[in-house]
């Protein structure tokens, strides 16, 4: 029913305030299902679902939080009207920022420029598909009325949030991610909201890593003790780990895995922004290639800074019960027995694994994004949370598949003092694995790693949305 309201909400002639108020009243009555004179969050959610498919998770909560001035968790008509009037002002500013030539129309070329400013490259055809999804008169341009109608009840407050549909969020790190960091808009940097997003992503990453830590330990154990575990089923390896150290031993090494989130994220984000400035020269137009190079360099920088933590995490993960009393004890014993060089074992294959991971992860995501935009953007510019989850999962999986042999070499070299009792060069280790285990030896532990990806991304995204609501972002 909400669709036909366009005739009232957006009349062709100029509207006087009484007509606007009448249109809002019709819309309010349609949202107020039980006719009690107020709209609660359930009614608002149902109304948004029928209005358009362009709403993200918790849109109704954002609208209610912004409009509910008397804090009674409901919207009366006056609150509803005030919210729509305030929101219209914000949407007018967003429209004007997109309308670069100030002709009162948004064209596909202007969409390309606006999206590119946020680090996303799309073709003219894809931009036309986005415009078409909001264009009601088949003019292939958007006037103010069409724009206003489409975002009438959308909780976005500025142009960057509107374009954010396909601005990929890779801030939630599930543990083995070397993805290109998320972008921060100029407004986010100026208002200070960027640090809230970082903290929210850090908490979500910690939750995701903790929930999937048993799979991570299983993967490392299979990589290090590949000959002993290659004929064992996954459940049998789990049972052996529990038998050796109890159920809590499945989370061994997770403390260090969580502890390194903060320094790794800080270095990666900071260096990524700096590398982008150096590569783009004017810091205005950053294309796919610049993002790929900057992301690779940022990943290498962050990994270099926190690499000793990676070694300690691996040793704690494969350690036996009672071998180490904690992180500090582990560091002391490694330093005394093996020297400072042990904290950088496996560094070379770890660095070599960054380029294929970042490159394939970015390429697959861009391929999936382009496929969706070209075929399904006619009805909505928002792919929805499920499509984004599928795209992220597939791109992460492809990236890990390409870099997994190098990550296996890294893990084996980090633990070689316990397994081989001697230092083995990387080339010799490759030869040894191939002779004893064949090609499959380079993918030992890949199954539990993949089993970890789907729940980790799902849990991380849910946790991220919850923490963002708590932080008011």
Protein backbone atom coordinates (compact mmCIF):
# COMPACT_ATOMS: atom_id res chain seq x y z
CA UNK A 1 0.00 0.00 0.00
CA UNK A 2 2.87 2.33 0.73
CA UNK A 3 3.90 2.48 -2.92
CA UNK A 4 0.83 4.42 -4.06
CA UNK A 5 1.57 7.13 -1.48
CA UNK A 6 4.07 8.59 -3.89
CA UNK A 7 1.28 10.54 -5.53
CA UNK A 8 0.72 12.32 -2.22
CA UNK A 9 4.26 12.52 -0.92
CA UNK A 10 5.70 13.77 -4.22
CA UNK A 11 3.09 15.74 -6.14
CA UNK A 12 4.34 17.24 -9.36
CA UNK A 13 3.33 20.73 -8.41
CA UNK A 14 4.97 22.61 -5.59
CA UNK A 15 3.65 21.46 -2.20
CA UNK A 16 2.36 23.70 0.55
CA UNK A 17 2.86 22.61 4.13
CA UNK A 18 -0.78 21.48 4.47
CA UNK A 19 -0.41 19.06 1.58
CA UNK A 20 2.85 17.72 3.00
CA UNK A 21 1.17 17.23 6.35
CA UNK A 22 -1.71 15.37 4.72
CA UNK A 23 0.71 13.08 2.87
CA UNK A 24 2.61 12.36 6.10
CA UNK A 25 -0.71 11.65 7.84
CA UNK A 26 -1.66 9.07 5.22
CA UNK A 27 1.75 7.43 5.58
CA UNK A 28 1.53 7.47 9.39
CA UNK A 29 -1.89 5.81 9.36
CA UNK A 30 -0.60 3.11 7.08
CA UNK A 31 2.30 2.41 9.46
CA UNK A 32 0.00 2.46 12.51
CA UNK A 33 -1.50 -1.00 11.97
CA UNK A 34 -3.51 -1.20 15.18
CA UNK A 35 -4.77 2.37 14.95
CA UNK A 36 -3.71 3.40 18.46
CA UNK A 37 -2.22 6.71 17.32
CA UNK A 38 1.43 5.69 17.76
CA UNK A 39 3.91 3.62 15.76
CA UNK A 40 6.03 1.15 17.72
CA UNK A 41 9.21 -0.54 16.52
CA UNK A 42 7.40 -3.66 15.28
CA UNK A 43 5.01 -1.62 13.13
CA UNK A 44 7.90 0.51 11.87
CA UNK A 45 9.92 -2.56 10.89
CA UNK A 46 6.97 -4.06 9.00
CA UNK A 47 6.36 -0.75 7.26
CA UNK A 48 9.97 -0.41 6.15
CA UNK A 49 9.90 -3.96 4.77
CA UNK A 50 6.89 -3.15 2.60
CA UNK A 51 8.18 0.29 1.63
CA UNK A 52 11.44 -0.78 0.00
CA UNK A 53 14.18 -3.39 0.00
CA UNK A 54 16.85 -0.72 0.40
CA UNK A 55 16.96 -0.83 4.19
CA UNK A 56 19.81 -2.38 6.13
CA UNK A 57 19.88 -4.14 9.46
CA UNK A 58 18.29 -2.25 12.37
CA UNK A 59 17.04 0.63 10.20
CA UNK A 60 13.88 0.83 12.31
CA UNK A 61 15.99 1.22 15.46
CA UNK A 62 17.96 4.08 13.93
CA UNK A 63 14.80 5.90 12.87
CA UNK A 64 13.13 5.37 16.24
CA UNK A 65 16.23 6.56 18.08
CA UNK A 66 16.40 9.75 16.01
CA UNK A 67 12.67 10.54 16.06
CA UNK A 68 11.56 9.48 19.55
CA UNK A 69 12.05 12.79 21.34
CA UNK A 70 10.06 11.87 24.45
CA UNK A 71 11.88 8.51 24.85
CA UNK A 72 8.74 6.38 25.15
CA UNK A 73 9.91 3.88 22.48
CA UNK A 74 7.02 4.93 20.22
CA UNK A 75 6.38 7.61 17.61
CA UNK A 76 3.36 9.85 17.72
CA UNK A 77 2.32 11.82 14.65
CA UNK A 78 4.11 15.03 15.63
CA UNK A 79 7.39 13.21 16.24
CA UNK A 80 6.95 11.44 12.90
CA UNK A 81 6.38 14.70 11.02
CA UNK A 82 9.34 16.41 12.72
CA UNK A 83 11.63 13.50 11.84
CA UNK A 84 10.57 13.56 8.17
CA UNK A 85 11.10 17.32 7.95
CA UNK A 86 14.57 17.10 9.53
CA UNK A 87 15.44 14.11 7.36
CA UNK A 88 14.34 15.94 4.21
CA UNK A 89 16.82 18.72 4.95
CA UNK A 90 19.66 16.17 5.20
CA UNK A 91 18.56 14.44 2.00
CA UNK A 92 18.45 17.81 0.23
CA UNK A 93 22.08 18.44 1.19
CA UNK A 94 23.03 14.95 0.00
CA UNK A 95 21.23 15.56 -3.31
CA UNK A 96 23.03 18.86 -3.82
CA UNK A 97 26.42 17.28 -3.07
CA UNK A 98 25.81 14.70 -5.81
CA UNK A 99 24.50 17.25 -8.31
CA UNK A 100 27.92 18.52 -9.36
CA UNK A 101 26.72 20.60 -12.33
CA UNK A 102 23.84 22.14 -10.31
CA UNK A 103 21.18 21.43 -12.93
CA UNK A 104 18.75 19.87 -10.45
CA UNK A 105 19.34 16.36 -11.79
CA UNK A 106 21.62 13.49 -10.76
CA UNK A 107 23.17 11.71 -13.73
CA UNK A 108 25.04 8.41 -13.97
CA UNK A 109 28.37 10.19 -14.47
CA UNK A 110 27.86 12.04 -11.17
CA UNK A 111 27.15 8.74 -9.39
CA UNK A 112 30.43 7.34 -10.75
CA UNK A 113 32.37 10.31 -9.35
CA UNK A 114 30.65 10.16 -5.95
CA UNK A 115 31.23 6.43 -5.55
CA UNK A 116 34.84 6.73 -6.71
CA UNK A 117 35.47 9.34 -4.02
CA UNK A 118 34.75 6.59 -1.47
CA UNK A 119 37.26 4.20 -3.03
CA UNK A 120 34.84 2.19 -5.18
CA UNK A 121 35.21 1.92 -8.95
CA UNK A 122 32.06 1.22 -10.96
CA UNK A 123 31.39 1.46 -14.68
CA UNK A 124 29.02 3.90 -16.38
CA UNK A 125 26.64 0.98 -17.07
CA UNK A 126 26.59 0.03 -13.39
CA UNK A 127 25.93 3.63 -12.40
CA UNK A 128 23.03 3.75 -14.87
CA UNK A 129 21.62 0.60 -13.27
CA UNK A 130 21.75 2.29 -9.86
CA UNK A 131 20.03 5.40 -11.24
CA UNK A 132 17.41 3.24 -12.95
CA UNK A 133 16.50 1.57 -9.66
CA UNK A 134 15.37 4.99 -8.34
CA UNK A 135 14.16 6.53 -11.64
CA UNK A 136 10.37 6.53 -11.96
CA UNK A 137 9.94 8.36 -15.30
CA UNK A 138 12.59 6.47 -17.32
CA UNK A 139 14.58 9.66 -17.91
CA UNK A 140 17.80 7.98 -16.65
CA UNK A 141 18.27 10.94 -14.33
CA UNK A 142 17.07 11.61 -10.80
CA UNK A 143 15.28 14.80 -9.87
CA UNK A 144 14.72 15.95 -6.30
CA UNK A 145 11.26 14.36 -6.05
CA UNK A 146 12.52 10.93 -7.10
CA UNK A 147 15.47 11.20 -4.72
CA UNK A 148 13.28 12.36 -1.84
CA UNK A 149 10.79 9.54 -2.33
CA UNK A 150 13.41 6.81 -2.47
CA UNK A 151 15.12 7.93 0.74
CA UNK A 152 12.00 9.24 2.50
CA UNK A 153 12.21 6.68 5.31
CA UNK A 154 15.82 5.67 4.89
CA UNK A 155 17.89 6.37 8.06
CA UNK A 156 20.94 7.52 6.08
CA UNK A 157 21.94 11.08 7.00
CA UNK A 158 24.57 11.95 4.38
CA UNK A 159 25.81 10.97 0.94
CA UNK A 160 28.55 8.68 2.24
CA UNK A 161 25.99 6.58 4.13
CA UNK A 162 23.77 6.39 1.06
CA UNK A 163 26.63 5.16 -1.13
CA UNK A 164 27.75 2.86 1.71
CA UNK A 165 25.67 0.02 0.25
CA UNK A 166 28.64 -1.19 -1.79
CA UNK A 167 31.39 0.41 0.27
CA UNK A 168 32.86 -2.81 1.56
CA UNK A 169 33.37 -3.17 5.31
CA UNK A 170 36.37 -5.37 6.10
CA UNK A 171 37.02 -4.19 9.61
CA UNK A 172 35.87 -7.36 11.36
CA UNK A 173 39.00 -9.54 11.31
CA UNK A 174 38.23 -13.22 11.94
CA UNK A 175 41.87 -14.13 12.56
CA UNK A 176 43.61 -14.88 9.26
CA UNK A 177 42.42 -11.85 7.33
CA UNK A 178 44.87 -9.71 5.39
CA UNK A 179 42.09 -7.81 3.63
CA UNK A 180 42.37 -4.20 2.56
CA UNK A 181 41.26 -2.02 5.49
CA UNK A 182 37.97 -0.15 5.51
CA UNK A 183 37.83 3.44 4.30
CA UNK A 184 37.00 6.39 6.56
CA UNK A 185 35.15 9.35 5.10
CA UNK A 186 36.29 12.91 5.75
CA UNK A 187 33.24 13.49 7.94
CA UNK A 188 34.00 10.40 10.06
CA UNK A 189 37.53 11.64 10.64
CA UNK A 190 36.37 15.14 11.56
CA UNK A 191 33.61 14.01 13.96
CA UNK A 192 35.77 11.37 15.64
CA UNK A 193 33.33 8.57 14.86
CA UNK A 194 36.16 6.62 13.23
CA UNK A 195 37.60 5.49 16.57
CA UNK A 196 34.17 4.19 17.65
CA UNK A 197 34.03 2.14 14.48
CA UNK A 198 37.51 0.79 15.17
CA UNK A 199 36.62 -0.19 18.75
CA UNK A 200 33.34 -1.75 17.60
CA UNK A 201 35.17 -3.76 14.94
CA UNK A 202 37.82 -4.82 17.48
CA UNK A 203 35.20 -6.12 19.90
CA UNK A 204 33.37 -7.95 17.09
CA UNK A 205 36.67 -9.47 15.92
CA UNK A 206 37.43 -10.69 19.46
CA UNK A 207 33.97 -12.28 19.73
CA UNK A 208 34.31 -14.00 16.34
CA UNK A 209 37.81 -15.31 17.12
CA UNK A 210 36.75 -16.60 20.53
CA UNK A 211 33.74 -18.49 19.17
CA UNK A 212 35.81 -20.15 16.45
CA UNK A 213 39.08 -20.63 18.40
CA UNK A 214 38.71 -24.46 18.56
CA UNK A 215 38.76 -24.63 14.75
CA UNK A 216 41.83 -22.40 14.69
CA UNK A 217 43.72 -24.61 17.13
CA UNK A 218 42.69 -27.72 15.19
CA UNK A 219 44.04 -26.15 11.99
CA UNK A 220 47.41 -25.29 13.56
CA UNK A 221 47.79 -28.75 15.11
CA UNK A 222 47.07 -30.41 11.76
CA UNK A 223 49.60 -28.15 10.02
CA UNK A 224 52.36 -28.80 12.55
CA UNK A 225 51.70 -32.50 13.19
CA UNK A 226 50.59 -33.29 9.63
CA UNK A 227 52.02 -36.84 9.47
CA UNK A 228 50.31 -37.90 12.69
CA UNK A 229 46.92 -36.38 11.84
CA UNK A 230 46.56 -36.91 8.10
CA UNK A 231 44.72 -40.23 8.47
CA UNK A 232 42.60 -39.05 11.40
CA UNK A 233 39.11 -37.64 11.17
CA UNK A 234 38.54 -34.09 12.44
CA UNK A 235 36.43 -35.32 15.33
CA UNK A 236 39.23 -37.71 16.39
CA UNK A 237 41.75 -34.85 16.50
CA UNK A 238 39.29 -32.82 18.59
CA UNK A 239 38.89 -35.74 20.99
CA UNK A 240 42.66 -36.07 21.39
CA UNK A 241 43.02 -32.37 22.15
CA UNK A 242 40.28 -32.55 24.80
CA UNK A 243 41.78 -35.71 26.28
CA UNK A 244 45.22 -34.08 26.56
CA UNK A 245 44.19 -30.79 28.16
CA UNK A 246 40.45 -30.69 28.78
CA UNK A 247 37.75 -28.74 26.97
CA UNK A 248 39.36 -25.37 27.76
CA UNK A 249 42.52 -26.41 25.92
CA UNK A 250 40.63 -25.85 22.67
CA UNK A 251 41.00 -22.11 23.36
CA UNK A 252 44.75 -22.29 24.02
CA UNK A 253 46.49 -19.34 22.33
CA UNK A 254 43.25 -17.40 21.88
CA UNK A 255 44.28 -14.78 24.45
CA UNK A 256 47.26 -13.73 22.34
CA UNK A 257 45.10 -13.93 19.22
CA UNK A 258 42.75 -11.33 20.75
CA UNK A 259 45.50 -9.22 22.29
CA UNK A 260 47.14 -8.55 18.92
CA UNK A 261 43.93 -7.14 17.39
CA UNK A 262 44.51 -3.59 18.68
CA UNK A 263 48.11 -3.02 17.53
CA UNK A 264 47.58 -4.86 14.24
CA UNK A 265 44.46 -2.85 13.37
CA UNK A 266 46.01 0.47 14.40
CA UNK A 267 49.15 -0.08 12.31
CA UNK A 268 47.20 -1.43 9.33
CA UNK A 269 44.72 1.47 9.23
CA UNK A 270 47.36 4.13 9.83
CA UNK A 271 49.81 2.80 7.24
CA UNK A 272 47.02 2.18 4.72
CA UNK A 273 45.94 5.82 4.87
CA UNK A 274 49.56 6.95 4.46
CA UNK A 275 50.27 4.60 1.55
CA UNK A 276 47.10 5.80 -0.19
CA UNK A 277 48.29 9.41 0.07
CA UNK A 278 51.66 8.51 -1.42
CA UNK A 279 50.14 6.50 -4.27
CA UNK A 280 47.28 8.82 -5.22
CA UNK A 281 49.36 12.03 -5.11
CA UNK A 282 46.29 14.27 -4.77
CA UNK A 283 44.64 11.94 -2.20
CA UNK A 284 41.36 12.40 -4.06
CA UNK A 285 41.00 9.54 -6.50
CA UNK A 286 42.12 6.13 -5.28
CA UNK A 287 41.45 3.36 -7.78
CA UNK A 288 41.47 -0.41 -7.46
CA UNK A 289 45.18 -0.75 -8.23
CA UNK A 290 46.14 1.92 -5.69
CA UNK A 291 43.94 0.24 -3.06
CA UNK A 292 45.53 -3.14 -3.85
CA UNK A 293 49.09 -1.83 -3.53
CA UNK A 294 48.31 0.25 -0.43
CA UNK A 295 46.45 -2.68 1.16
CA UNK A 296 49.33 -5.08 0.47
CA UNK A 297 51.90 -2.68 1.90
CA UNK A 298 49.69 -1.95 4.93
CA UNK A 299 49.27 -5.67 5.56
CA UNK A 300 53.03 -6.21 5.31
CA UNK A 301 53.71 -3.30 7.69
CA UNK A 302 51.20 -4.51 10.27
CA UNK A 303 52.45 -8.10 10.08
CA UNK A 304 56.04 -6.94 10.55
CA UNK A 305 55.15 -5.01 13.70
CA UNK A 306 53.11 -7.75 15.37
CA UNK A 307 54.92 -10.81 13.95
CA UNK A 308 56.57 -11.82 17.26
CA UNK A 309 53.04 -12.08 18.66
CA UNK A 310 52.16 -14.48 15.84
CA UNK A 311 55.06 -16.74 16.81
CA UNK A 312 54.08 -16.69 20.50
CA UNK A 313 50.46 -17.43 19.57
CA UNK A 314 51.54 -20.47 17.51
CA UNK A 315 53.75 -21.81 20.30
CA UNK A 316 50.98 -21.37 22.88
CA UNK A 317 48.51 -23.08 20.53
CA UNK A 318 50.61 -26.21 20.00
CA UNK A 319 52.01 -26.26 23.53
CA UNK A 320 51.19 -29.13 25.89
CA UNK A 321 49.36 -28.71 29.15
CA UNK A 322 51.66 -27.11 31.73
CA UNK A 323 54.40 -26.27 29.22
CA UNK A 324 53.79 -22.52 29.52
CA UNK A 325 52.14 -20.72 32.43
CA UNK A 326 51.19 -17.76 30.23
CA UNK A 327 52.29 -15.36 27.53
CA UNK A 328 55.20 -13.86 29.48
CA UNK A 329 56.48 -17.30 30.49
CA UNK A 330 56.31 -18.42 26.84
CA UNK A 331 58.28 -15.35 25.68
CA UNK A 332 60.96 -15.90 28.34
CA UNK A 333 61.46 -19.57 27.48
CA UNK A 334 61.61 -18.90 23.73
CA UNK A 335 64.16 -16.13 24.21
CA UNK A 336 66.37 -18.17 26.56
CA UNK A 337 66.28 -21.43 24.58
CA UNK A 338 66.20 -20.22 20.97
CA UNK A 339 67.26 -16.56 20.97
CA UNK A 340 65.62 -13.45 19.59
CA UNK A 341 65.65 -14.80 16.01
CA UNK A 342 62.96 -17.32 16.90
CA UNK A 343 60.40 -14.49 17.08
CA UNK A 344 60.77 -13.98 13.32
CA UNK A 345 60.77 -17.57 12.10
CA UNK A 346 58.47 -17.97 9.11
CA UNK A 347 58.52 -14.25 8.36
CA UNK A 348 59.41 -14.66 4.66
CA UNK A 349 56.55 -17.01 3.66
CA UNK A 350 54.20 -14.88 5.73
CA UNK A 351 55.13 -11.79 3.71
CA UNK A 352 54.93 -13.70 0.41
CA UNK A 353 51.40 -14.81 1.29
CA UNK A 354 50.07 -11.26 1.57
CA UNK A 355 50.01 -10.40 -2.15
CA UNK A 356 48.01 -13.45 -3.37
CA UNK A 357 45.59 -13.13 -0.45
CA UNK A 358 44.89 -9.41 -0.88
CA UNK A 359 44.88 -9.62 -4.68
CA UNK A 360 42.49 -12.56 -5.00
CA UNK A 361 40.29 -11.40 -2.13
CA UNK A 362 39.85 -7.99 -3.77
CA UNK A 363 39.46 -9.40 -7.30
CA UNK A 364 36.79 -11.94 -6.32
CA UNK A 365 34.84 -9.38 -4.32
CA UNK A 366 34.92 -6.86 -7.18
CA UNK A 367 33.85 -9.61 -9.62
CA UNK A 368 30.90 -10.61 -7.43
CA UNK A 369 29.97 -6.96 -6.83
CA UNK A 370 29.99 -6.19 -10.56
CA UNK A 371 27.95 -9.31 -11.31
CA UNK A 372 25.27 -8.27 -8.80
CA UNK A 373 25.17 -4.64 -9.92
CA UNK A 374 24.84 -5.55 -13.60
CA UNK A 375 22.01 -8.06 -13.09
CA UNK A 376 20.06 -7.11 -9.98
CA UNK A 377 20.55 -3.39 -9.32
CA UNK A 378 17.47 -2.49 -11.35
CA UNK A 379 15.19 -2.96 -8.32
CA UNK A 380 17.44 -1.85 -5.46
CA UNK A 381 20.89 -0.38 -4.94
CA UNK A 382 21.24 -2.29 -1.66
CA UNK A 383 22.38 -5.92 -2.04
CA UNK A 384 21.25 -6.82 1.47
CA UNK A 385 23.21 -8.34 4.33
CA UNK A 386 23.00 -11.93 3.01
CA UNK A 387 24.49 -11.03 -0.39
CA UNK A 388 27.30 -9.11 1.30
CA UNK A 389 27.99 -12.06 3.62
CA UNK A 390 28.12 -14.48 0.69
CA UNK A 391 30.44 -12.19 -1.28
CA UNK A 392 32.74 -11.67 1.72
CA UNK A 393 32.81 -15.39 2.53
CA UNK A 394 33.65 -16.41 -1.03
CA UNK A 395 36.33 -13.73 -1.45
CA UNK A 396 37.94 -14.57 1.91
CA UNK A 397 37.90 -18.28 1.04
CA UNK A 398 39.54 -17.70 -2.34
CA UNK A 399 42.17 -15.49 -0.75
CA UNK A 400 42.96 -18.08 1.89
CA UNK A 401 43.07 -20.86 -0.70
CA UNK A 402 45.68 -18.96 -2.72
CA UNK A 403 47.89 -18.12 0.27
CA UNK A 404 47.32 -21.24 2.42
CA UNK A 405 50.47 -23.15 1.36
CA UNK A 406 52.60 -20.14 2.36
CA UNK A 407 50.75 -19.82 5.67
CA UNK A 408 51.36 -23.52 6.30
CA UNK A 409 55.09 -22.99 5.70
CA UNK A 410 55.00 -20.05 8.11
CA UNK A 411 53.36 -22.13 10.85
CA UNK A 412 55.73 -25.06 10.36
CA UNK A 413 58.76 -22.77 10.54
CA UNK A 414 57.40 -21.09 13.68
CA UNK A 415 57.08 -24.48 15.37
CA UNK A 416 60.10 -26.25 13.84
CA UNK A 417 62.09 -26.27 17.11
CA UNK A 418 59.43 -28.54 18.62
CA UNK A 419 58.93 -30.78 15.60
CA UNK A 420 62.19 -30.94 13.62
CA UNK A 421 64.56 -29.96 16.46
CA UNK A 422 66.58 -27.95 13.92
CA UNK A 423 66.32 -24.92 11.67
CA UNK A 424 65.29 -25.86 8.12
CA UNK A 425 65.44 -23.30 5.26
CA UNK A 426 62.15 -22.59 3.52
CA UNK A 427 63.15 -24.22 0.21
CA UNK A 428 64.27 -27.39 2.01
CA UNK A 429 61.02 -27.47 4.00
CA UNK A 430 59.02 -27.24 0.76
CA UNK A 431 60.98 -30.17 -0.66
CA UNK A 432 60.51 -32.17 2.54
CA UNK A 433 56.72 -31.64 2.68
CA UNK A 434 56.31 -32.52 -1.01
CA UNK A 435 58.34 -35.74 -0.73
CA UNK A 436 56.62 -37.02 2.43
CA UNK A 437 53.06 -35.77 1.96
CA UNK A 438 52.66 -34.77 -1.67
CA UNK A 439 50.74 -31.74 -2.90
CA UNK A 440 48.00 -32.33 -0.32
CA UNK A 441 50.56 -31.68 2.41
CA UNK A 442 50.54 -27.97 1.60
CA UNK A 443 46.81 -27.78 2.38
CA UNK A 444 46.83 -29.70 5.65
CA UNK A 445 44.36 -28.04 8.02
CA UNK A 446 42.45 -26.26 5.26
CA UNK A 447 39.17 -28.03 6.10
CA UNK A 448 38.85 -26.71 9.68
CA UNK A 449 40.02 -23.32 8.39
CA UNK A 450 37.11 -23.20 5.92
CA UNK A 451 34.69 -24.53 8.53
CA UNK A 452 35.73 -21.53 10.65
CA UNK A 453 35.14 -18.88 7.98
CA UNK A 454 31.34 -19.01 7.65
CA UNK A 455 30.45 -18.93 11.37
CA UNK A 456 33.24 -16.43 12.07
CA UNK A 457 31.98 -13.94 9.49
CA UNK A 458 28.36 -14.43 10.56
CA UNK A 459 29.12 -14.08 14.28
CA UNK A 460 31.44 -11.16 13.63
CA UNK A 461 28.84 -9.26 11.59
CA UNK A 462 26.07 -9.82 14.16
CA UNK A 463 28.38 -8.77 16.99
CA UNK A 464 29.47 -5.73 14.98
CA UNK A 465 25.87 -4.58 14.45
CA UNK A 466 25.07 -5.01 18.15
CA UNK A 467 28.18 -3.10 19.31
CA UNK A 468 27.52 -0.32 16.75
CA UNK A 469 24.04 0.15 18.22
CA UNK A 470 25.50 0.32 21.72
CA UNK A 471 28.01 2.94 20.53
CA UNK A 472 25.35 4.89 18.64
CA UNK A 473 26.94 4.54 15.20
